[in-house]
Amino acid sequence: MKRRRLNAYGERLLRETPVLETLHGLDPGGVDEVLRIAEASAEFARLHAEPRALELDERMEQDPEYFDRELVRTAGSYRLFSMVVPKVLGGLAGKYMLTAASLGVEEICSACAGIGNMIAATGLGACPLLTPGGMPHWDTVLHEIVEGEKKGEPVLMAYAITEPSAGTDVEEPHFLAQARIGMEACRVKGGYLLNGRKCFISGGKEAKYLTVCAATDRSRPLETWTVFLVSRDMEGFSVPRVERKMGQRACHAAEILFDNVFVPEENVIGYEGDGMSMGILAIMAASRGPVGAVGTGIARGVLKNFLSWARRERGGRKPLEEQRIQMEIADMAASIQECRGLILDHSLAGDKVFGGLLVNPMMKALFALPRELRLSRPYLSFLHSRLGKVTSAHLLRLLVSEEEMTRLLALASLAKFASTDMAMGIASRALQLMGPEDSEERRRVEKCYRDVKVTQIYEGTNQLNRLTWFMVEQEGSLRIELPKPRR
């Protein structure tokens, strides 16, 4: 296959990531797709995110509920909300979906992590729908995301798991079994009633759809943890507050109230009680690596602004002329490159799992059916039925192994805690070296310092991520269990 001539961006990215350069030689077409997504993200970051970063940060410090819809529309014009939507639905996610998403997130967050999180929140919210249990909603919700971009009105999603009395402990089985769960989903005729609160939900205020985790029995949360698809127009759904934040201000962190919100049976993602394995652990196995990419992007932003600061003359000398500064810069670059390697390890391993599903011949054959047929009542009734869910579970077990998924969770957790801790350290060191002067470069580095802190907390604290890695790789006590067909 003849390789296309790469532009300057593609050449630079391959030079910086030798593993991608090698893969490009083996699969130029597949890697070219990755490069196009990364380049679009970099252009959006350069032309739109970076120029607005400080302005948005300052504005939303004063008005946390402000939301820049025009910036969202601009992001949609670059198709940034379709990065996780399968190509069979008109999205961008193909065989290297995680690699493309990680590099794209890194590029945007190198300019502004708040804007990056605002975009990534939709991808995270959509993730549970990408599991076999979410397939009934591919031609509705995921299709709507693609069409929304085309029309210039992006459809946003969010992922709601954290509760006021249960945060990190809902992301790990041993802890969830003992967690103090406040929210409950009670079975009623035709569906469930959701009551309770979720908090610190990224993008929750503006999301049209949310994937929500809740226990159907608060006394047995681990056994009854279930994922629901919720629409913001459902009666009883409200957003009572948006948090005043220290960092990543461009993305709302909202409290969500569920007051007898009726969710129909067909909006249960997969089986009732499968929420831990497929609603959390499988999602974390995919998403923690890109959170590491958020950290790596922030660290790149620190290094860029620190270099700009170091090149300016002060008192007849430039800091960059000092060997101690040169060595600090080399250390920063080395740390970023090390963590980028961890993220690529995770994303390429994940692409073997998730990307392989999306390009599987069975998946292609399924979506070769006319969309009108896929939206027909008999077809959707089958997908929502017990038999349909049994069939989906059989297909998943045929195409993916529990060992692969569990290993991916360990790689994701490792990349997440290493990269975000690295970024925190680089931002702190850069501020120490720059001192108290008031310059744009220092303000941007100070913003990076505030932005990066939450990356050590969300998607499970870094302490939990360390324990997850240990429990998978050393103890063997943690394992992702794929849904077992239930008749």
Protein backbone atom coordinates (compact mmCIF):
# COMPACT_ATOMS: atom_id res chain seq x y z
CA MET A 1 0.00 0.00 0.00
CA LYS A 2 1.41 3.36 -1.02
CA ARG A 3 1.96 5.69 1.90
CA ARG A 4 0.43 9.15 1.62
CA ARG A 5 2.78 12.07 1.98
CA LEU A 6 2.54 13.35 5.55
CA ASN A 7 2.29 17.02 6.43
CA ALA A 8 4.55 18.72 8.97
CA TYR A 9 2.28 17.82 11.89
CA GLY A 10 2.16 14.12 10.97
CA GLU A 11 5.91 13.94 10.49
CA ARG A 12 6.52 15.61 13.86
CA LEU A 13 4.10 13.36 15.73
CA LEU A 14 5.60 10.19 14.26
CA ARG A 15 9.09 11.42 15.08
CA GLU A 16 8.02 12.05 18.69
CA THR A 17 6.31 8.64 18.99
CA PRO A 18 8.50 5.93 17.44
CA VAL A 19 5.95 3.21 18.21
CA LEU A 20 3.42 5.01 16.00
CA GLU A 21 6.06 5.52 13.33
CA THR A 22 6.72 1.78 13.29
CA LEU A 23 2.99 1.02 13.22
CA HIS A 24 2.57 3.49 10.36
CA GLY A 25 4.94 1.40 8.30
CA LEU A 26 2.82 -1.68 8.94
CA ASP A 27 -0.62 -0.08 8.70
CA PRO A 28 -0.38 3.34 7.04
CA GLY A 29 -4.10 3.66 6.42
CA GLY A 30 -5.06 2.97 10.02
CA VAL A 31 -2.44 5.29 11.49
CA ASP A 32 -3.32 8.02 8.98
CA GLU A 33 -6.79 8.09 10.56
CA VAL A 34 -5.18 8.60 13.96
CA LEU A 35 -3.02 11.41 12.61
CA ARG A 36 -6.00 13.20 11.08
CA ILE A 37 -7.91 13.16 14.37
CA ALA A 38 -4.86 14.30 16.34
CA GLU A 39 -4.17 17.06 13.82
CA ALA A 40 -7.77 18.32 13.95
CA SER A 41 -7.52 18.39 17.75
CA ALA A 42 -4.21 20.26 17.59
CA GLU A 43 -5.66 22.85 15.19
CA PHE A 44 -8.69 23.39 17.43
CA ALA A 45 -6.35 23.76 20.41
CA ARG A 46 -4.11 26.26 18.63
CA LEU A 47 -6.82 28.40 17.02
CA HIS A 48 -9.62 28.25 19.58
CA ALA A 49 -8.73 26.71 22.96
CA GLU A 50 -5.41 28.41 23.68
CA PRO A 51 -6.58 31.95 22.82
CA ARG A 52 -9.64 31.54 25.09
CA ALA A 53 -8.05 29.62 27.97
CA LEU A 54 -7.21 32.45 30.37
CA GLU A 55 -10.29 34.48 29.49
CA LEU A 56 -12.68 31.58 30.12
CA ASP A 57 -10.86 30.62 33.31
CA GLU A 58 -11.24 34.13 34.72
CA ARG A 59 -14.84 34.55 33.58
CA MET A 60 -15.99 31.25 35.05
CA GLU A 61 -14.27 31.98 38.33
CA GLN A 62 -16.80 34.80 38.72
CA ASP A 63 -19.72 33.03 37.01
CA PRO A 64 -19.39 29.22 37.34
CA GLU A 65 -22.63 28.64 35.42
CA TYR A 66 -21.46 30.44 32.28
CA PHE A 67 -21.28 28.14 29.28
CA ASP A 68 -19.71 29.00 25.93
CA ARG A 69 -22.02 27.35 23.40
CA GLU A 70 -20.23 28.91 20.47
CA LEU A 71 -16.99 27.21 21.51
CA VAL A 72 -18.91 23.90 21.71
CA ARG A 73 -20.22 24.45 18.18
CA THR A 74 -16.68 25.16 17.01
CA ALA A 75 -15.44 21.93 18.62
CA GLY A 76 -18.27 20.12 16.85
CA SER A 77 -17.13 21.51 13.51
CA TYR A 78 -13.86 19.64 14.10
CA ARG A 79 -15.90 16.50 14.91
CA LEU A 80 -14.38 16.27 18.38
CA PHE A 81 -17.56 14.83 19.92
CA SER A 82 -17.55 11.93 17.43
CA MET A 83 -14.15 10.54 18.42
CA VAL A 84 -15.78 7.68 20.34
CA VAL A 85 -18.74 7.10 18.01
CA PRO A 86 -18.16 4.04 15.76
CA LYS A 87 -17.48 4.65 12.08
CA VAL A 88 -20.39 2.36 11.19
CA LEU A 89 -22.61 5.12 12.61
CA GLY A 90 -20.78 7.96 10.87
CA GLY A 91 -18.43 8.69 13.77
CA LEU A 92 -14.64 8.63 13.83
CA ALA A 93 -13.95 5.62 16.08
CA GLY A 94 -12.24 2.85 14.15
CA LYS A 95 -9.60 0.23 14.80
CA TYR A 96 -7.34 2.70 16.68
CA MET A 97 -10.11 4.53 18.53
CA LEU A 98 -8.34 4.77 21.91
CA THR A 99 -5.03 5.86 20.41
CA ALA A 100 -6.75 8.60 18.42
CA ALA A 101 -8.82 9.73 21.40
CA SER A 102 -5.79 9.83 23.73
CA LEU A 103 -3.69 11.86 21.31
CA GLY A 104 -6.62 14.16 20.58
CA VAL A 105 -7.31 14.78 24.26
CA GLU A 106 -3.60 15.42 24.88
CA GLU A 107 -3.49 18.05 22.15
CA ILE A 108 -6.54 19.95 23.44
CA CYS A 109 -5.44 19.77 27.08
CA SER A 110 -2.01 21.13 26.18
CA ALA A 111 -3.93 24.36 25.50
CA CYS A 112 -6.69 24.16 28.14
CA ALA A 113 -7.64 21.15 30.25
CA GLY A 114 -11.01 22.68 31.11
CA ILE A 115 -11.99 22.89 27.46
CA GLY A 116 -10.55 19.42 26.93
CA ASN A 117 -12.66 18.01 29.78
CA MET A 118 -15.75 19.77 28.45
CA ILE A 119 -15.31 17.81 25.21
CA ALA A 120 -14.12 14.54 26.77
CA ALA A 121 -17.11 14.43 29.17
CA THR A 122 -19.37 13.53 26.24
CA GLY A 123 -17.08 10.68 25.23
CA LEU A 124 -17.06 9.36 28.79
CA GLY A 125 -20.83 9.59 29.01
CA ALA A 126 -21.16 7.68 25.74
CA CYS A 127 -18.78 4.90 26.79
CA PRO A 128 -21.38 2.67 28.52
CA LEU A 129 -23.41 2.75 25.31
CA LEU A 130 -20.45 1.25 23.45
CA THR A 131 -20.77 -1.97 25.44
CA PRO A 132 -22.99 -4.68 23.91
CA GLY A 133 -25.71 -3.80 26.41
CA GLY A 134 -25.86 -0.31 24.93
CA MET A 135 -26.33 -1.38 21.32
CA PRO A 136 -30.07 -0.61 21.25
CA HIS A 137 -29.10 3.05 21.61
CA TRP A 138 -26.49 3.20 18.86
CA ASP A 139 -28.95 4.21 16.16
CA THR A 140 -30.67 6.71 18.43
CA VAL A 141 -28.37 8.47 20.92
CA LEU A 142 -25.01 7.89 19.21
CA HIS A 143 -26.54 8.68 15.83
CA GLU A 144 -27.90 11.89 17.34
CA ILE A 145 -24.38 12.91 18.42
CA VAL A 146 -23.15 12.56 14.82
CA GLU A 147 -26.14 14.41 13.38
CA GLY A 148 -25.85 17.15 15.99
CA GLU A 149 -22.32 17.91 14.85
CA LYS A 150 -23.45 18.09 11.23
CA LYS A 151 -26.18 20.57 12.15
CA GLY A 152 -23.88 22.72 14.28
CA GLU A 153 -25.68 21.83 17.52
CA PRO A 154 -23.57 19.20 19.32
CA VAL A 155 -25.40 16.77 21.59
CA LEU A 156 -23.59 16.50 24.92
CA MET A 157 -23.49 13.57 27.36
CA ALA A 158 -22.19 12.97 30.88
CA TYR A 159 -21.30 10.02 33.10
CA ALA A 160 -22.75 10.09 36.63
CA ILE A 161 -21.36 7.78 39.29
CA THR A 162 -20.12 9.92 42.22
CA GLU A 163 -22.51 10.54 45.12
CA PRO A 164 -22.18 12.93 48.08
CA SER A 165 -21.38 10.00 50.40
CA ALA A 166 -19.63 7.72 47.89
CA GLY A 167 -16.83 8.78 45.58
CA THR A 168 -13.81 6.65 44.78
CA ASP A 169 -15.30 3.71 46.66
CA VAL A 170 -17.92 3.16 43.95
CA GLU A 171 -15.15 2.46 41.42
CA GLU A 172 -13.75 -0.72 42.98
CA PRO A 173 -15.64 -3.90 43.97
CA HIS A 174 -14.16 -4.39 47.46
CA PHE A 175 -15.00 -0.79 48.39
CA LEU A 176 -18.43 -0.68 46.72
CA ALA A 177 -19.53 -3.67 48.78
CA GLN A 178 -19.13 -1.47 51.89
CA ALA A 179 -19.98 1.93 50.41
CA ARG A 180 -22.59 4.26 51.89
CA ILE A 181 -24.89 4.55 48.89
CA GLY A 182 -27.50 7.30 48.93
CA MET A 183 -29.12 6.93 45.52
CA GLU A 184 -31.46 4.06 44.73
CA ALA A 185 -33.32 2.74 41.68
CA CYS A 186 -36.56 1.03 42.66
CA ARG A 187 -38.23 -1.34 40.23
CA VAL A 188 -41.76 -0.36 39.24
CA LYS A 189 -44.07 -1.44 36.45
CA GLY A 190 -42.32 -0.86 33.13
CA GLY A 191 -39.04 0.40 34.55
CA TYR A 192 -37.41 2.05 37.57
CA LEU A 193 -37.78 5.13 39.74
CA LEU A 194 -34.47 6.89 40.48
CA ASN A 195 -34.13 8.89 43.69
CA GLY A 196 -31.03 10.56 45.08
CA ARG A 197 -28.16 12.80 44.09
CA LYS A 198 -25.02 12.62 42.03
CA CYS A 199 -22.29 15.22 42.47
CA PHE A 200 -19.20 16.63 40.73
CA ILE A 201 -20.54 15.44 37.37
CA SER A 202 -18.36 16.83 34.56
CA GLY A 203 -20.57 18.36 31.90
CA GLY A 204 -23.70 17.42 33.85
CA LYS A 205 -25.42 20.79 33.59
CA GLU A 206 -25.55 20.92 29.80
CA ALA A 207 -25.72 17.20 28.97
CA LYS A 208 -28.81 16.04 27.08
CA TYR A 209 -28.17 12.42 28.06
CA LEU A 210 -26.46 10.90 31.09
CA THR A 211 -25.37 7.36 31.83
CA VAL A 212 -26.11 6.92 35.51
CA CYS A 213 -24.96 4.21 37.91
CA ALA A 214 -27.27 3.34 40.80
CA ALA A 215 -27.99 0.44 43.14
CA THR A 216 -31.36 -1.24 42.99
CA ASP A 217 -30.79 -2.28 46.62
CA ARG A 218 -28.71 0.10 48.73
CA SER A 219 -27.99 -2.67 51.26
CA ARG A 220 -26.33 -4.73 48.48
CA PRO A 221 -24.74 -2.13 46.18
CA LEU A 222 -22.11 -4.42 44.63
CA GLU A 223 -24.64 -7.06 43.60
CA THR A 224 -27.25 -4.56 42.34
CA TRP A 225 -25.16 -1.77 40.76
CA THR A 226 -26.86 -0.97 37.44
CA VAL A 227 -26.36 1.50 34.58
CA PHE A 228 -29.26 3.58 33.26
CA LEU A 229 -29.59 5.93 30.31
CA VAL A 230 -31.29 9.13 31.50
CA SER A 231 -32.50 12.07 29.46
CA ARG A 232 -32.49 15.51 31.05
CA ASP A 233 -36.10 16.08 29.96
CA MET A 234 -37.35 13.23 32.18
CA GLU A 235 -39.71 14.47 34.87
CA GLY A 236 -38.00 14.86 38.25
CA PHE A 237 -34.51 15.50 36.79
CA SER A 238 -32.86 18.76 37.85
CA VAL A 239 -29.48 20.44 38.32
CA PRO A 240 -29.65 22.34 41.63
CA ARG A 241 -26.07 23.64 41.57
CA VAL A 242 -22.82 24.04 39.68
CA GLU A 243 -19.63 23.97 41.74
CA ARG A 244 -17.27 26.92 42.04
CA LYS A 245 -14.01 25.31 40.99
CA MET A 246 -10.29 25.86 41.44
CA GLY A 247 -9.30 24.39 38.06
CA GLN A 248 -10.72 23.11 34.77
CA ARG A 249 -13.36 25.82 35.13
CA ALA A 250 -14.40 25.71 31.46
CA CYS A 251 -16.15 22.39 32.22
CA HIS A 252 -19.02 22.48 34.68
CA ALA A 253 -19.04 20.15 37.69
CA ALA A 254 -22.71 19.76 38.50
CA GLU A 255 -24.87 18.29 41.22
CA ILE A 256 -27.74 16.26 39.76
CA LEU A 257 -31.00 15.62 41.62
CA PHE A 258 -33.25 12.66 40.80
CA ASP A 259 -36.72 13.01 42.31
CA ASN A 260 -38.81 10.00 41.27
CA VAL A 261 -37.29 10.03 37.79
CA PHE A 262 -38.97 7.23 35.84
CA VAL A 263 -36.54 5.36 33.59
CA PRO A 264 -38.14 2.79 31.27
CA GLU A 265 -36.92 -0.80 31.23
CA GLU A 266 -35.33 -0.37 27.80
CA ASN A 267 -33.00 2.30 29.23
CA VAL A 268 -31.18 -0.25 31.40
CA ILE A 269 -27.75 -0.76 29.83
CA GLY A 270 -27.21 -4.51 29.77
CA TYR A 271 -28.42 -6.54 32.74
CA GLU A 272 -29.53 -5.26 36.11
CA GLY A 273 -26.61 -5.80 38.52
CA ASP A 274 -23.87 -5.70 35.84
CA GLY A 275 -22.91 -2.13 36.67
CA MET A 276 -19.59 -2.82 38.37
CA SER A 277 -18.00 -4.95 35.65
CA MET A 278 -19.49 -3.40 32.51
CA GLY A 279 -20.64 -0.02 33.83
CA ILE A 280 -17.51 0.93 35.75
CA LEU A 281 -14.51 -1.39 35.47
CA ALA A 282 -14.82 -1.84 31.70
CA ILE A 283 -15.31 1.92 31.30
CA MET A 284 -12.33 2.68 33.55
CA ALA A 285 -10.27 0.20 31.53
CA ALA A 286 -10.94 2.39 28.51
CA SER A 287 -11.03 5.88 30.03
CA ARG A 288 -8.24 6.05 32.61
CA GLY A 289 -5.58 6.03 29.89
CA PRO A 290 -7.06 9.13 28.24
CA VAL A 291 -7.15 10.79 31.68
CA GLY A 292 -3.42 10.13 31.75
CA ALA A 293 -3.33 11.89 28.37
CA VAL A 294 -5.06 14.88 30.00
CA GLY A 295 -2.15 14.99 32.45
CA THR A 296 0.44 14.63 29.71
CA GLY A 297 -1.26 17.40 27.74
CA ILE A 298 -1.19 19.71 30.77
CA ALA A 299 2.50 18.90 31.28
CA ARG A 300 3.17 19.79 27.64
CA GLY A 301 1.41 23.11 28.22
CA VAL A 302 3.62 23.76 31.24
CA LEU A 303 6.78 22.98 29.27
CA LYS A 304 5.73 25.17 26.35
CA ASN A 305 5.06 28.18 28.55
CA PHE A 306 8.13 27.56 30.70
CA LEU A 307 10.28 27.54 27.56
CA SER A 308 8.70 30.79 26.40
CA TRP A 309 9.42 32.31 29.81
CA ALA A 310 13.00 31.03 29.82
CA ARG A 311 13.75 32.55 26.39
CA ARG A 312 12.94 36.11 27.52
CA GLU A 313 15.84 38.25 28.66
CA ARG A 314 15.99 39.54 32.23
CA GLY A 315 18.81 41.71 33.50
CA GLY A 316 20.87 41.04 30.40
CA ARG A 317 20.52 37.25 30.60
CA LYS A 318 18.01 34.62 29.55
CA PRO A 319 17.17 31.85 32.03
CA LEU A 320 17.55 29.41 29.13
CA GLU A 321 21.29 30.17 29.05
CA GLU A 322 21.73 28.63 32.50
CA GLN A 323 22.64 24.96 32.56
CA ARG A 324 20.41 24.30 35.59
CA ILE A 325 17.41 25.51 33.56
CA GLN A 326 18.49 23.45 30.56
CA MET A 327 18.65 20.35 32.75
CA GLU A 328 15.23 21.08 34.26
CA ILE A 329 13.78 21.32 30.75
CA ALA A 330 15.41 18.04 29.77
CA ASP A 331 13.93 16.38 32.87
CA MET A 332 10.46 17.72 32.02
CA ALA A 333 10.71 16.46 28.45
CA ALA A 334 11.91 13.04 29.61
CA SER A 335 9.03 12.69 32.08
CA ILE A 336 6.48 13.65 29.43
CA GLN A 337 7.95 11.17 26.96
CA GLU A 338 7.96 8.36 29.54
CA CYS A 339 4.30 8.89 30.36
CA ARG A 340 3.33 9.22 26.73
CA GLY A 341 4.78 5.74 26.30
CA LEU A 342 2.57 4.39 29.11
CA ILE A 343 -0.48 5.99 27.51
CA LEU A 344 0.34 4.52 24.10
CA ASP A 345 0.90 1.10 25.72
CA HIS A 346 -2.59 1.32 27.14
CA SER A 347 -4.31 2.76 24.07
CA LEU A 348 -2.80 0.28 21.62
CA ALA A 349 -3.66 -2.63 23.93
CA GLY A 350 -7.17 -1.20 24.21
CA ASP A 351 -7.47 -0.87 20.46
CA LYS A 352 -6.81 -4.58 20.20
CA VAL A 353 -9.90 -5.10 22.36
CA PHE A 354 -12.32 -2.27 21.53
CA GLY A 355 -11.11 -1.34 18.07
CA GLY A 356 -11.15 -5.00 17.12
CA LEU A 357 -14.83 -5.15 18.08
CA LEU A 358 -15.71 -2.17 15.90
CA VAL A 359 -14.08 -3.58 12.77
CA ASN A 360 -15.17 -7.17 13.37
CA PRO A 361 -16.98 -8.64 10.31
CA MET A 362 -20.02 -9.50 12.44
CA MET A 363 -20.30 -5.89 13.56
CA LYS A 364 -19.94 -4.64 10.00
CA ALA A 365 -22.58 -7.11 8.79
CA LEU A 366 -24.97 -6.02 11.52
CA PHE A 367 -24.71 -2.37 10.54
CA ALA A 368 -24.88 -3.15 6.85
CA LEU A 369 -28.59 -3.62 7.47
CA PRO A 370 -30.67 -0.60 6.44
CA ARG A 371 -31.02 1.90 9.28
CA GLU A 372 -34.79 1.85 8.86
CA LEU A 373 -34.71 -1.85 9.70
CA ARG A 374 -32.43 -1.27 12.69
CA LEU A 375 -34.90 1.30 14.01
CA SER A 376 -37.93 -0.91 13.45
CA ARG A 377 -39.96 -1.97 16.48
CA PRO A 378 -39.27 -5.73 16.03
CA TYR A 379 -35.50 -5.18 15.75
CA LEU A 380 -35.29 -2.88 18.79
CA SER A 381 -37.64 -5.13 20.76
CA PHE A 382 -35.25 -8.02 20.14
CA LEU A 383 -32.20 -6.01 21.30
CA HIS A 384 -34.05 -4.95 24.46
CA SER A 385 -35.36 -8.43 25.15
CA ARG A 386 -33.76 -11.01 27.42
CA LEU A 387 -32.88 -13.06 24.33
CA GLY A 388 -31.23 -10.04 22.72
CA LYS A 389 -29.15 -9.41 25.81
CA VAL A 390 -28.18 -13.08 25.98
CA THR A 391 -27.07 -12.91 22.34
CA SER A 392 -25.03 -9.74 22.99
CA ALA A 393 -23.35 -11.36 25.99
CA HIS A 394 -22.48 -14.45 23.92
CA LEU A 395 -20.96 -12.27 21.16
CA LEU A 396 -18.90 -10.26 23.66
CA ARG A 397 -17.51 -13.42 25.24
CA LEU A 398 -16.71 -14.78 21.80
CA LEU A 399 -14.74 -11.69 20.78
CA VAL A 400 -13.14 -10.52 24.06
CA SER A 401 -11.49 -12.36 26.93
CA GLU A 402 -11.75 -11.43 30.59
CA GLU A 403 -7.95 -11.65 30.80
CA GLU A 404 -7.53 -8.99 28.09
CA MET A 405 -10.02 -6.65 29.75
CA THR A 406 -8.50 -7.09 33.19
CA ARG A 407 -4.96 -6.47 31.87
CA LEU A 408 -6.26 -3.35 30.14
CA LEU A 409 -7.62 -2.05 33.45
CA ALA A 410 -4.15 -2.43 35.01
CA LEU A 411 -2.48 -0.62 32.10
CA ALA A 412 -5.08 2.17 32.25
CA SER A 413 -4.66 2.65 35.99
CA LEU A 414 -0.86 2.72 35.70
CA ALA A 415 -0.92 5.29 32.89
CA LYS A 416 -3.43 7.41 34.78
CA PHE A 417 -1.65 7.75 38.12
CA ALA A 418 1.84 8.00 36.66
CA SER A 419 0.96 10.69 34.09
CA THR A 420 -1.16 12.88 36.33
CA ASP A 421 1.32 12.73 39.22
CA MET A 422 4.06 13.60 36.72
CA ALA A 423 2.10 16.62 35.46
CA MET A 424 1.48 17.85 39.00
CA GLY A 425 5.19 17.63 39.74
CA ILE A 426 6.21 19.45 36.55
CA ALA A 427 3.71 22.27 37.11
CA SER A 428 4.88 22.71 40.71
CA ARG A 429 8.56 22.75 39.74
CA ALA A 430 8.01 25.22 36.91
CA LEU A 431 6.23 27.67 39.23
CA GLN A 432 9.08 27.44 41.75
CA LEU A 433 11.63 28.25 39.05
CA MET A 434 9.60 31.08 37.55
CA GLY A 435 9.14 32.81 40.89
CA PRO A 436 6.43 35.36 41.68
CA GLU A 437 6.66 37.53 38.55
CA ASP A 438 3.43 38.52 36.79
CA SER A 439 3.64 37.37 33.18
CA GLU A 440 1.26 35.62 30.79
CA GLU A 441 3.50 32.54 30.76
CA ARG A 442 3.36 32.28 34.53
CA ARG A 443 -0.39 32.79 34.62
CA ARG A 444 -0.78 29.94 32.13
CA VAL A 445 1.50 27.66 34.16
CA GLU A 446 -0.37 28.59 37.35
CA LYS A 447 -3.62 27.66 35.56
CA CYS A 448 -2.05 24.33 34.58
CA TYR A 449 -1.19 23.75 38.25
CA ARG A 450 -4.82 24.34 39.25
CA ASP A 451 -6.15 22.29 36.33
CA VAL A 452 -4.02 19.22 36.96
CA LYS A 453 -4.94 18.65 40.59
CA VAL A 454 -8.36 17.17 39.83
CA THR A 455 -6.83 14.65 37.42
CA GLN A 456 -5.30 12.99 40.47
CA ILE A 457 -8.82 12.63 41.89
CA TYR A 458 -11.37 11.84 39.18
CA GLU A 459 -11.61 8.44 37.48
CA GLY A 460 -10.65 7.09 40.89
CA THR A 461 -8.04 8.78 43.07
CA ASN A 462 -4.45 7.96 42.22
CA GLN A 463 -4.25 5.99 45.45
CA LEU A 464 -7.07 3.75 44.21
CA ASN A 465 -5.42 3.47 40.79
CA ARG A 466 -2.25 2.23 42.47
CA LEU A 467 -4.25 -0.34 44.41
CA THR A 468 -6.08 -1.41 41.25
CA TRP A 469 -2.78 -2.04 39.47
CA PHE A 470 -1.49 -3.99 42.48
CA MET A 471 -4.65 -6.08 42.84
CA VAL A 472 -4.56 -7.02 39.15
CA GLU A 473 -0.86 -7.51 38.56
CA GLN A 474 0.44 -8.71 41.94
CA GLU A 475 -2.43 -10.15 43.99
CA GLY A 476 -4.67 -11.32 41.19
CA SER A 477 -7.62 -10.38 43.40
CA LEU A 478 -9.34 -8.05 40.94
CA ARG A 479 -10.83 -9.21 37.66
CA ILE A 480 -13.30 -7.87 35.13
CA GLU A 481 -16.09 -10.37 34.65
CA LEU A 482 -17.88 -10.19 31.32
CA PRO A 483 -21.68 -10.52 31.40
CA LYS A 484 -22.82 -14.12 31.64
CA PRO A 485 -25.83 -14.92 29.44
CA ARG A 486 -28.93 -15.11 31.66
CA ARG A 487 -31.96 -16.96 30.42
